[in-house]
N, C-alpha and C. Protein backbone atom coordinates (compact mmCIF):
# COMPACT_ATOMS: atom_id res chain seq x y z
N UNK A 1 -22.97 9.65 14.93
CA UNK A 1 -22.10 10.80 14.87
C UNK A 1 -21.54 11.08 16.27
N UNK A 2 -20.41 11.66 16.32
CA UNK A 2 -19.75 11.91 17.59
C UNK A 2 -19.44 13.40 17.72
N UNK A 3 -20.33 14.12 18.24
CA UNK A 3 -20.17 15.56 18.51
C UNK A 3 -19.55 16.31 17.34
N UNK A 4 -20.17 16.22 16.17
CA UNK A 4 -19.72 16.94 14.97
C UNK A 4 -18.31 16.58 14.52
N UNK A 5 -17.87 15.37 14.78
CA UNK A 5 -16.53 14.94 14.35
C UNK A 5 -16.62 13.90 13.24
N UNK A 6 -17.75 13.73 12.65
CA UNK A 6 -17.90 12.78 11.57
C UNK A 6 -18.49 11.47 12.06
N UNK A 7 -18.63 10.48 11.16
CA UNK A 7 -19.21 9.19 11.54
C UNK A 7 -18.31 8.44 12.52
N UNK A 8 -18.95 7.67 13.35
CA UNK A 8 -18.22 6.88 14.34
C UNK A 8 -17.74 5.60 13.67
N UNK A 9 -16.43 5.33 13.72
CA UNK A 9 -15.90 4.11 13.13
C UNK A 9 -15.99 2.97 14.13
N UNK A 10 -15.45 3.17 15.31
CA UNK A 10 -15.50 2.13 16.32
C UNK A 10 -16.26 2.62 17.54
N UNK A 11 -15.84 3.76 18.08
CA UNK A 11 -16.49 4.38 19.21
C UNK A 11 -15.95 5.80 19.31
N UNK A 12 -16.62 6.66 20.05
CA UNK A 12 -16.11 8.01 20.24
C UNK A 12 -14.91 7.94 21.16
N UNK A 13 -13.82 8.52 20.73
CA UNK A 13 -12.60 8.48 21.53
C UNK A 13 -12.05 9.89 21.64
N UNK A 14 -11.41 10.18 22.75
CA UNK A 14 -10.77 11.48 22.86
C UNK A 14 -9.68 11.61 21.80
N UNK A 15 -9.38 12.82 21.31
CA UNK A 15 -8.38 13.00 20.26
C UNK A 15 -7.01 12.47 20.64
N UNK A 16 -6.68 12.38 21.90
CA UNK A 16 -5.36 11.90 22.31
C UNK A 16 -5.23 10.38 22.21
N UNK A 17 -6.33 9.67 22.11
CA UNK A 17 -6.29 8.20 22.05
C UNK A 17 -6.42 7.75 20.61
N UNK A 18 -5.36 7.14 20.02
CA UNK A 18 -5.45 6.72 18.61
C UNK A 18 -6.43 5.56 18.42
N UNK A 19 -7.05 5.55 17.28
CA UNK A 19 -7.95 4.47 16.93
C UNK A 19 -7.09 3.27 16.53
N UNK A 20 -7.26 2.16 17.20
CA UNK A 20 -6.44 0.98 16.92
C UNK A 20 -7.33 -0.21 16.66
N UNK A 21 -6.72 -1.23 16.07
CA UNK A 21 -7.40 -2.49 15.80
C UNK A 21 -6.52 -3.60 16.32
N UNK A 22 -7.06 -4.46 17.14
CA UNK A 22 -6.28 -5.55 17.70
C UNK A 22 -6.56 -6.80 16.88
N UNK A 23 -5.48 -7.38 16.35
CA UNK A 23 -5.61 -8.59 15.54
C UNK A 23 -5.63 -9.82 16.43
N UNK A 24 -5.92 -10.97 15.84
CA UNK A 24 -6.07 -12.21 16.60
C UNK A 24 -4.83 -12.56 17.41
N UNK A 25 -3.66 -12.20 16.93
CA UNK A 25 -2.46 -12.57 17.68
C UNK A 25 -1.98 -11.46 18.61
N UNK A 26 -2.83 -10.43 18.85
CA UNK A 26 -2.57 -9.48 19.91
C UNK A 26 -1.80 -8.23 19.53
N UNK A 27 -1.55 -7.98 18.27
CA UNK A 27 -0.82 -6.79 17.87
C UNK A 27 -1.81 -5.69 17.53
N UNK A 28 -1.58 -4.50 18.06
CA UNK A 28 -2.47 -3.37 17.78
C UNK A 28 -1.87 -2.51 16.68
N UNK A 29 -2.72 -2.07 15.75
CA UNK A 29 -2.29 -1.20 14.66
C UNK A 29 -3.05 0.12 14.77
N UNK A 30 -2.36 1.23 14.53
CA UNK A 30 -2.97 2.54 14.52
C UNK A 30 -3.70 2.71 13.20
N UNK A 31 -5.03 2.79 13.24
CA UNK A 31 -5.82 2.88 12.02
C UNK A 31 -5.93 4.31 11.50
N UNK A 32 -5.48 5.28 12.28
CA UNK A 32 -5.55 6.66 11.82
C UNK A 32 -4.29 7.08 11.08
N UNK A 33 -3.24 6.28 11.15
CA UNK A 33 -1.99 6.59 10.46
C UNK A 33 -2.18 6.43 8.96
N UNK A 34 -1.38 7.13 8.14
CA UNK A 34 -1.47 6.93 6.69
C UNK A 34 -1.22 5.47 6.35
N UNK A 35 -1.96 4.98 5.37
CA UNK A 35 -1.89 3.55 5.04
C UNK A 35 -0.86 3.31 3.94
N UNK A 36 0.07 2.44 4.20
CA UNK A 36 0.99 1.93 3.21
C UNK A 36 0.68 0.45 3.13
N UNK A 37 -0.16 0.04 2.18
CA UNK A 37 -0.67 -1.33 2.14
C UNK A 37 0.43 -2.36 2.00
N UNK A 38 1.44 -2.07 1.19
CA UNK A 38 2.52 -3.04 1.01
C UNK A 38 3.28 -3.24 2.30
N UNK A 39 3.63 -2.14 2.97
CA UNK A 39 4.34 -2.24 4.23
C UNK A 39 3.49 -2.93 5.27
N UNK A 40 2.21 -2.57 5.35
CA UNK A 40 1.31 -3.19 6.33
C UNK A 40 1.23 -4.70 6.08
N UNK A 41 1.11 -5.10 4.80
CA UNK A 41 1.04 -6.52 4.45
C UNK A 41 2.32 -7.24 4.87
N UNK A 42 3.48 -6.64 4.58
CA UNK A 42 4.75 -7.26 4.96
C UNK A 42 4.86 -7.39 6.48
N UNK A 43 4.40 -6.38 7.21
CA UNK A 43 4.45 -6.44 8.66
C UNK A 43 3.57 -7.56 9.19
N UNK A 44 2.37 -7.69 8.63
CA UNK A 44 1.47 -8.75 9.08
C UNK A 44 2.06 -10.13 8.80
N UNK A 45 2.60 -10.32 7.60
CA UNK A 45 3.19 -11.61 7.25
C UNK A 45 4.38 -11.90 8.14
N UNK A 46 5.22 -10.91 8.36
CA UNK A 46 6.41 -11.09 9.20
C UNK A 46 6.02 -11.47 10.62
N UNK A 47 5.04 -10.77 11.18
CA UNK A 47 4.62 -11.09 12.54
C UNK A 47 3.96 -12.46 12.62
N UNK A 48 3.15 -12.79 11.61
CA UNK A 48 2.50 -14.09 11.58
C UNK A 48 3.53 -15.20 11.50
N UNK A 49 4.54 -15.03 10.61
CA UNK A 49 5.57 -16.06 10.45
C UNK A 49 6.41 -16.18 11.72
N UNK A 50 6.74 -15.07 12.36
CA UNK A 50 7.54 -15.15 13.58
C UNK A 50 6.77 -15.83 14.70
N UNK A 51 5.46 -15.63 14.72
CA UNK A 51 4.64 -16.35 15.71
C UNK A 51 4.66 -17.86 15.44
N UNK A 52 4.59 -18.23 14.16
CA UNK A 52 4.57 -19.65 13.82
C UNK A 52 5.90 -20.33 14.12
N UNK A 53 6.99 -19.60 13.99
CA UNK A 53 8.29 -20.22 14.16
C UNK A 53 8.88 -20.01 15.56
N UNK A 54 8.20 -19.27 16.41
CA UNK A 54 8.75 -19.02 17.74
C UNK A 54 8.62 -20.25 18.63
N UNK A 55 9.45 -20.30 19.66
CA UNK A 55 9.45 -21.45 20.57
C UNK A 55 8.16 -21.55 21.35
N UNK A 56 7.49 -20.43 21.59
CA UNK A 56 6.26 -20.45 22.38
C UNK A 56 5.06 -20.92 21.57
N UNK A 57 5.22 -21.02 20.27
CA UNK A 57 4.11 -21.42 19.40
C UNK A 57 3.89 -22.92 19.51
N UNK A 58 2.65 -23.37 19.65
CA UNK A 58 2.40 -24.79 19.79
C UNK A 58 2.50 -25.57 18.48
N UNK A 59 2.73 -24.90 17.35
CA UNK A 59 2.82 -25.63 16.09
C UNK A 59 4.15 -26.38 16.01
N UNK A 60 4.19 -27.38 15.17
CA UNK A 60 5.37 -28.20 15.00
C UNK A 60 6.25 -27.60 13.91
N UNK A 61 7.56 -27.60 14.12
CA UNK A 61 8.49 -27.14 13.09
C UNK A 61 8.60 -28.24 12.05
N UNK A 62 8.08 -27.98 10.86
CA UNK A 62 8.05 -28.99 9.80
C UNK A 62 9.18 -28.82 8.79
N UNK A 63 10.06 -27.88 9.02
CA UNK A 63 11.12 -27.61 8.05
C UNK A 63 11.93 -28.85 7.69
N UNK A 64 12.41 -29.65 8.66
CA UNK A 64 13.17 -30.85 8.27
C UNK A 64 12.35 -31.83 7.44
N UNK A 65 11.09 -31.98 7.78
CA UNK A 65 10.21 -32.89 7.04
C UNK A 65 9.98 -32.37 5.61
N UNK A 66 9.77 -31.07 5.48
CA UNK A 66 9.57 -30.48 4.16
C UNK A 66 10.84 -30.58 3.32
N UNK A 67 12.00 -30.34 3.94
CA UNK A 67 13.27 -30.43 3.22
C UNK A 67 13.52 -31.86 2.75
N UNK A 68 13.15 -32.83 3.58
CA UNK A 68 13.31 -34.24 3.19
C UNK A 68 12.48 -34.57 1.96
N UNK A 69 11.26 -34.03 1.88
CA UNK A 69 10.41 -34.27 0.70
C UNK A 69 10.98 -33.60 -0.54
N UNK A 70 11.52 -32.39 -0.39
CA UNK A 70 12.13 -31.71 -1.54
C UNK A 70 13.37 -32.47 -2.00
N UNK A 71 14.16 -32.98 -1.06
CA UNK A 71 15.33 -33.79 -1.43
C UNK A 71 14.89 -35.04 -2.18
N UNK A 72 13.81 -35.66 -1.73
CA UNK A 72 13.28 -36.85 -2.41
C UNK A 72 12.83 -36.48 -3.83
N UNK A 73 12.20 -35.32 -3.98
CA UNK A 73 11.74 -34.86 -5.29
C UNK A 73 12.93 -34.65 -6.23
N UNK A 74 13.98 -34.02 -5.72
CA UNK A 74 15.14 -33.72 -6.56
C UNK A 74 15.91 -34.99 -6.95
N UNK A 75 15.78 -36.06 -6.16
CA UNK A 75 16.46 -37.32 -6.46
C UNK A 75 15.58 -38.29 -7.25
N UNK A 76 14.32 -37.95 -7.44
CA UNK A 76 13.40 -38.83 -8.16
C UNK A 76 13.83 -38.99 -9.62
N UNK A 77 13.44 -40.11 -10.20
CA UNK A 77 13.74 -40.38 -11.60
C UNK A 77 13.03 -39.35 -12.47
N UNK A 78 13.75 -38.82 -13.46
CA UNK A 78 13.12 -37.84 -14.34
C UNK A 78 12.65 -38.48 -15.64
N UNK A 79 11.58 -37.92 -16.16
CA UNK A 79 11.00 -38.35 -17.43
C UNK A 79 10.76 -37.12 -18.28
N UNK A 80 10.83 -37.27 -19.59
CA UNK A 80 10.50 -36.16 -20.47
C UNK A 80 8.99 -35.91 -20.42
N UNK A 81 8.64 -34.65 -20.61
CA UNK A 81 7.22 -34.29 -20.63
C UNK A 81 6.50 -35.08 -21.71
N UNK A 82 7.12 -35.22 -22.88
CA UNK A 82 6.46 -35.95 -23.98
C UNK A 82 6.25 -37.42 -23.64
N UNK A 83 7.02 -37.98 -22.70
CA UNK A 83 6.83 -39.37 -22.29
C UNK A 83 5.78 -39.51 -21.19
N UNK A 84 5.59 -38.47 -20.40
CA UNK A 84 4.59 -38.54 -19.32
C UNK A 84 3.17 -38.42 -19.87
N UNK A 85 3.01 -37.68 -20.95
CA UNK A 85 1.64 -37.44 -21.44
C UNK A 85 1.11 -38.57 -22.31
N UNK A 86 1.91 -39.62 -22.51
CA UNK A 86 1.43 -40.81 -23.24
C UNK A 86 1.69 -42.04 -22.37
N UNK A 87 1.03 -43.14 -22.66
CA UNK A 87 1.26 -44.39 -21.93
C UNK A 87 2.60 -44.98 -22.32
N UNK A 88 3.28 -45.67 -21.44
CA UNK A 88 2.95 -46.04 -20.07
C UNK A 88 3.29 -44.96 -19.04
N UNK A 89 3.99 -43.90 -19.45
CA UNK A 89 4.36 -42.85 -18.51
C UNK A 89 3.16 -42.19 -17.85
N UNK A 90 2.10 -42.02 -18.62
CA UNK A 90 0.89 -41.40 -18.08
C UNK A 90 0.30 -42.28 -16.98
N UNK A 91 0.15 -43.57 -17.29
CA UNK A 91 -0.45 -44.51 -16.34
C UNK A 91 0.36 -44.63 -15.06
N UNK A 92 1.68 -44.47 -15.14
CA UNK A 92 2.55 -44.60 -13.96
C UNK A 92 2.62 -43.33 -13.11
N UNK A 93 1.99 -42.25 -13.53
CA UNK A 93 2.07 -40.98 -12.81
C UNK A 93 0.69 -40.41 -12.50
N UNK A 94 -0.26 -41.27 -12.20
CA UNK A 94 -1.61 -40.79 -11.90
C UNK A 94 -1.81 -40.52 -10.41
N UNK A 95 -0.73 -40.48 -9.64
CA UNK A 95 -0.81 -40.21 -8.21
C UNK A 95 -0.96 -38.70 -7.96
N UNK A 96 -1.48 -38.35 -6.79
CA UNK A 96 -1.54 -36.96 -6.35
C UNK A 96 -0.21 -36.64 -5.68
N UNK A 97 0.31 -35.47 -5.89
CA UNK A 97 1.57 -35.13 -5.26
C UNK A 97 2.19 -33.86 -5.80
N UNK A 98 3.51 -33.80 -5.70
CA UNK A 98 4.28 -32.62 -6.09
C UNK A 98 5.18 -33.00 -7.26
N UNK A 99 5.41 -32.04 -8.16
CA UNK A 99 6.28 -32.29 -9.31
C UNK A 99 7.15 -31.07 -9.56
N UNK A 100 8.29 -31.30 -10.17
CA UNK A 100 9.20 -30.23 -10.57
C UNK A 100 9.52 -30.42 -12.04
N UNK A 101 9.54 -29.31 -12.78
CA UNK A 101 9.86 -29.35 -14.21
C UNK A 101 11.21 -28.69 -14.41
N UNK A 102 12.10 -29.40 -15.11
CA UNK A 102 13.47 -28.95 -15.35
C UNK A 102 13.68 -28.73 -16.85
N UNK A 103 14.55 -27.79 -17.21
CA UNK A 103 14.85 -27.60 -18.63
C UNK A 103 15.69 -28.76 -19.14
N UNK A 104 15.72 -29.00 -20.46
CA UNK A 104 16.58 -30.06 -20.99
C UNK A 104 18.04 -29.74 -20.65
N UNK A 105 18.80 -30.76 -20.34
CA UNK A 105 20.19 -30.54 -19.95
C UNK A 105 20.29 -30.25 -18.47
N UNK A 106 21.29 -29.47 -18.11
CA UNK A 106 21.50 -29.15 -16.70
C UNK A 106 20.73 -27.91 -16.31
N UNK A 107 20.55 -27.75 -15.02
CA UNK A 107 19.88 -26.56 -14.50
C UNK A 107 18.89 -26.91 -13.42
N UNK A 108 18.53 -25.90 -12.67
CA UNK A 108 17.54 -26.08 -11.62
C UNK A 108 16.14 -26.11 -12.18
N UNK A 109 15.18 -26.38 -11.32
CA UNK A 109 13.79 -26.46 -11.80
C UNK A 109 13.29 -25.10 -12.26
N UNK A 110 12.46 -25.12 -13.29
CA UNK A 110 11.83 -23.90 -13.77
C UNK A 110 10.43 -23.75 -13.20
N UNK A 111 9.89 -24.85 -12.66
CA UNK A 111 8.54 -24.80 -12.11
C UNK A 111 8.38 -25.91 -11.08
N UNK A 112 7.71 -25.58 -9.97
CA UNK A 112 7.34 -26.57 -8.97
C UNK A 112 5.83 -26.46 -8.80
N UNK A 113 5.15 -27.59 -8.87
CA UNK A 113 3.70 -27.59 -8.75
C UNK A 113 3.20 -28.78 -7.98
N UNK A 114 1.90 -28.80 -7.76
CA UNK A 114 1.28 -29.92 -7.06
C UNK A 114 -0.10 -30.16 -7.62
N UNK A 115 -0.56 -31.35 -7.43
CA UNK A 115 -1.94 -31.67 -7.79
C UNK A 115 -2.53 -32.42 -6.62
N UNK A 116 -3.75 -32.04 -6.26
CA UNK A 116 -4.36 -32.67 -5.09
C UNK A 116 -5.75 -33.22 -5.37
N UNK A 117 -6.28 -32.94 -6.56
CA UNK A 117 -7.63 -33.41 -6.79
C UNK A 117 -7.93 -33.88 -8.20
N UNK A 118 -6.97 -33.79 -9.07
CA UNK A 118 -7.21 -34.21 -10.44
C UNK A 118 -7.44 -35.70 -10.55
N UNK A 119 -8.32 -36.10 -11.44
CA UNK A 119 -8.64 -37.52 -11.61
C UNK A 119 -7.40 -38.35 -11.91
N UNK A 120 -6.54 -37.85 -12.80
CA UNK A 120 -5.33 -38.59 -13.17
C UNK A 120 -4.07 -37.98 -12.58
N UNK A 121 -4.21 -37.19 -11.53
CA UNK A 121 -3.07 -36.71 -10.75
C UNK A 121 -2.06 -35.90 -11.53
N UNK A 122 -0.78 -36.19 -11.26
CA UNK A 122 0.32 -35.44 -11.84
C UNK A 122 0.32 -35.55 -13.37
N UNK A 123 0.04 -36.71 -13.89
CA UNK A 123 0.05 -36.90 -15.34
C UNK A 123 -0.95 -35.97 -16.03
N UNK A 124 -2.13 -35.83 -15.45
CA UNK A 124 -3.15 -34.93 -16.00
C UNK A 124 -2.67 -33.49 -15.96
N UNK A 125 -2.00 -33.10 -14.87
CA UNK A 125 -1.52 -31.73 -14.73
C UNK A 125 -0.41 -31.42 -15.75
N UNK A 126 0.49 -32.37 -15.97
CA UNK A 126 1.55 -32.18 -16.97
C UNK A 126 0.92 -32.10 -18.36
N UNK A 127 -0.08 -32.92 -18.63
CA UNK A 127 -0.79 -32.85 -19.91
C UNK A 127 -1.41 -31.46 -20.08
N UNK A 128 -2.02 -30.95 -19.01
CA UNK A 128 -2.60 -29.60 -19.07
C UNK A 128 -1.53 -28.55 -19.41
N UNK A 129 -0.36 -28.67 -18.77
CA UNK A 129 0.72 -27.73 -19.06
C UNK A 129 1.14 -27.83 -20.53
N UNK A 130 1.29 -29.04 -21.03
CA UNK A 130 1.74 -29.26 -22.41
C UNK A 130 0.74 -28.68 -23.42
N UNK A 131 -0.54 -28.75 -23.09
CA UNK A 131 -1.56 -28.30 -24.03
C UNK A 131 -2.05 -26.88 -23.75
N UNK A 132 -1.30 -26.13 -22.95
CA UNK A 132 -1.60 -24.72 -22.74
C UNK A 132 -2.77 -24.42 -21.85
N UNK A 133 -3.18 -25.36 -21.01
CA UNK A 133 -4.32 -25.14 -20.11
C UNK A 133 -3.81 -24.56 -18.78
N UNK A 134 -2.70 -23.90 -18.81
CA UNK A 134 -2.15 -23.18 -17.66
C UNK A 134 -1.27 -22.06 -18.19
N UNK A 135 -0.81 -21.23 -17.30
CA UNK A 135 0.02 -20.09 -17.72
C UNK A 135 1.50 -20.46 -17.80
N UNK A 136 1.85 -21.70 -17.54
CA UNK A 136 3.26 -22.10 -17.49
C UNK A 136 4.00 -21.85 -18.81
N UNK A 137 3.40 -22.18 -19.93
CA UNK A 137 4.08 -22.02 -21.22
C UNK A 137 4.40 -20.55 -21.51
N UNK A 138 3.56 -19.64 -21.04
CA UNK A 138 3.84 -18.21 -21.23
C UNK A 138 5.06 -17.77 -20.41
N UNK A 139 5.31 -18.44 -19.28
CA UNK A 139 6.41 -18.07 -18.39
C UNK A 139 7.76 -18.61 -18.86
N UNK A 140 7.75 -19.66 -19.64
CA UNK A 140 9.00 -20.28 -20.07
C UNK A 140 9.63 -19.54 -21.23
N UNK A 141 10.94 -19.58 -21.29
CA UNK A 141 11.66 -18.89 -22.37
C UNK A 141 11.55 -19.62 -23.70
N UNK A 142 11.40 -20.93 -23.65
CA UNK A 142 11.40 -21.74 -24.87
C UNK A 142 10.23 -22.72 -24.85
N UNK A 143 8.99 -22.23 -24.98
CA UNK A 143 7.84 -23.12 -24.87
C UNK A 143 7.71 -24.13 -26.01
N UNK A 144 8.35 -23.87 -27.16
CA UNK A 144 8.23 -24.80 -28.28
C UNK A 144 8.87 -26.15 -27.95
N UNK A 145 9.88 -26.16 -27.11
CA UNK A 145 10.58 -27.41 -26.75
C UNK A 145 10.10 -27.97 -25.42
N UNK A 146 8.89 -27.63 -25.00
CA UNK A 146 8.40 -28.07 -23.70
C UNK A 146 8.37 -29.59 -23.58
N UNK A 147 8.15 -30.29 -24.66
CA UNK A 147 8.12 -31.75 -24.65
C UNK A 147 9.46 -32.36 -24.24
N UNK A 148 10.56 -31.61 -24.41
CA UNK A 148 11.88 -32.10 -24.03
C UNK A 148 12.23 -31.79 -22.58
N UNK A 149 11.42 -30.99 -21.91
CA UNK A 149 11.68 -30.68 -20.50
C UNK A 149 11.53 -31.95 -19.68
N UNK A 150 12.19 -31.99 -18.53
CA UNK A 150 12.17 -33.16 -17.66
C UNK A 150 11.26 -32.92 -16.46
N UNK A 151 10.58 -33.97 -16.03
CA UNK A 151 9.66 -33.88 -14.90
C UNK A 151 10.06 -34.91 -13.85
N UNK A 152 10.08 -34.48 -12.61
CA UNK A 152 10.28 -35.40 -11.47
C UNK A 152 9.06 -35.28 -10.58
N UNK A 153 8.55 -36.42 -10.13
CA UNK A 153 7.33 -36.41 -9.33
C UNK A 153 7.52 -37.25 -8.08
N UNK A 154 6.76 -36.90 -7.04
CA UNK A 154 6.65 -37.74 -5.85
C UNK A 154 5.19 -37.72 -5.41
N UNK A 155 4.74 -38.84 -4.90
CA UNK A 155 3.37 -38.94 -4.38
C UNK A 155 3.38 -38.43 -2.95
N UNK A 156 2.42 -37.57 -2.63
CA UNK A 156 2.31 -37.03 -1.27
C UNK A 156 0.85 -36.97 -0.87
N UNK A 157 0.56 -37.48 0.28
CA UNK A 157 -0.75 -37.37 0.91
C UNK A 157 -0.50 -36.90 2.33
N UNK A 158 -1.32 -36.18 2.95
CA UNK A 158 -2.59 -35.59 2.53
C UNK A 158 -2.38 -34.33 1.68
N UNK A 159 -3.45 -33.81 1.09
CA UNK A 159 -3.34 -32.65 0.21
C UNK A 159 -2.73 -31.41 0.87
N UNK A 160 -3.05 -31.19 2.14
CA UNK A 160 -2.50 -30.01 2.82
C UNK A 160 -0.98 -30.09 2.90
N UNK A 161 -0.46 -31.26 3.19
CA UNK A 161 1.00 -31.41 3.26
C UNK A 161 1.63 -31.26 1.88
N UNK A 162 0.95 -31.74 0.85
CA UNK A 162 1.45 -31.55 -0.52
C UNK A 162 1.56 -30.07 -0.84
N UNK A 163 0.58 -29.28 -0.40
CA UNK A 163 0.63 -27.84 -0.60
C UNK A 163 1.80 -27.20 0.13
N UNK A 164 2.07 -27.66 1.34
CA UNK A 164 3.22 -27.14 2.09
C UNK A 164 4.53 -27.48 1.41
N UNK A 165 4.64 -28.71 0.89
CA UNK A 165 5.86 -29.12 0.20
C UNK A 165 6.05 -28.27 -1.06
N UNK A 166 4.97 -28.03 -1.80
CA UNK A 166 5.06 -27.20 -3.00
C UNK A 166 5.56 -25.80 -2.64
N UNK A 167 4.96 -25.18 -1.64
CA UNK A 167 5.36 -23.83 -1.25
C UNK A 167 6.80 -23.79 -0.74
N UNK A 168 7.19 -24.80 0.02
CA UNK A 168 8.56 -24.85 0.51
C UNK A 168 9.54 -25.02 -0.65
N UNK A 169 9.17 -25.84 -1.63
CA UNK A 169 10.01 -26.02 -2.81
C UNK A 169 10.15 -24.74 -3.61
N UNK A 170 9.06 -23.99 -3.75
CA UNK A 170 9.13 -22.72 -4.46
C UNK A 170 10.02 -21.74 -3.71
N UNK A 171 9.89 -21.73 -2.38
CA UNK A 171 10.69 -20.80 -1.57
C UNK A 171 12.17 -21.14 -1.60
N UNK A 172 12.52 -22.41 -1.59
CA UNK A 172 13.93 -22.79 -1.51
C UNK A 172 14.60 -22.95 -2.88
N UNK A 173 13.86 -23.40 -3.88
CA UNK A 173 14.46 -23.64 -5.20
C UNK A 173 14.35 -22.42 -6.12
N UNK A 174 13.42 -21.52 -5.85
CA UNK A 174 13.22 -20.28 -6.61
C UNK A 174 13.10 -20.53 -8.12
N UNK A 175 12.15 -21.37 -8.55
CA UNK A 175 12.01 -21.61 -10.00
C UNK A 175 11.48 -20.37 -10.71
N UNK A 176 12.00 -20.13 -11.92
CA UNK A 176 11.68 -18.90 -12.65
C UNK A 176 10.20 -18.78 -13.03
N UNK A 177 9.54 -19.87 -13.34
CA UNK A 177 8.14 -19.79 -13.78
C UNK A 177 7.18 -19.65 -12.62
N UNK A 178 7.63 -19.81 -11.38
CA UNK A 178 6.76 -19.62 -10.21
C UNK A 178 6.83 -18.20 -9.68
N UNK A 179 7.69 -17.38 -10.23
CA UNK A 179 7.85 -16.02 -9.72
C UNK A 179 6.65 -15.17 -10.10
N UNK A 180 6.27 -14.24 -9.21
CA UNK A 180 5.10 -13.37 -9.52
C UNK A 180 5.39 -12.42 -10.65
């Protein structure tokens, strides 16, 4: 306790000194201010992202590399979902990587995903989608015709980079089934 002022959170401080918390990247936040969790979250993400993309940051700018992988994905040969979940399409898509699902006909992707650990890779994941072992069918407008949807895949290693490509693809292509 601090002189009848309630429990001590960090240390006893004079009333004129705000209680702050210093994060790993050096930004101090006033912890006594009213909390707006959404705003605070957006501020943290914005500051974190600006640190990652600033010239002083030692990380490598991977945007061109990620864009090249997305371009490769969009140019990949497409197969119908119903053809991927049976042989020989299944056998030819057992790699780990990133995939995009497109509606029949023209249009942008409705879903971008990745697989990094499944025994049968992308083919197993598409089979899972077809058989309702994911939330994808609930997100689509026409799940009865899912077998006619088109899939494009690319093999990507290591798994961390595959995750980055997936997230970059979701951010740039804005597929409807990936939206929160």
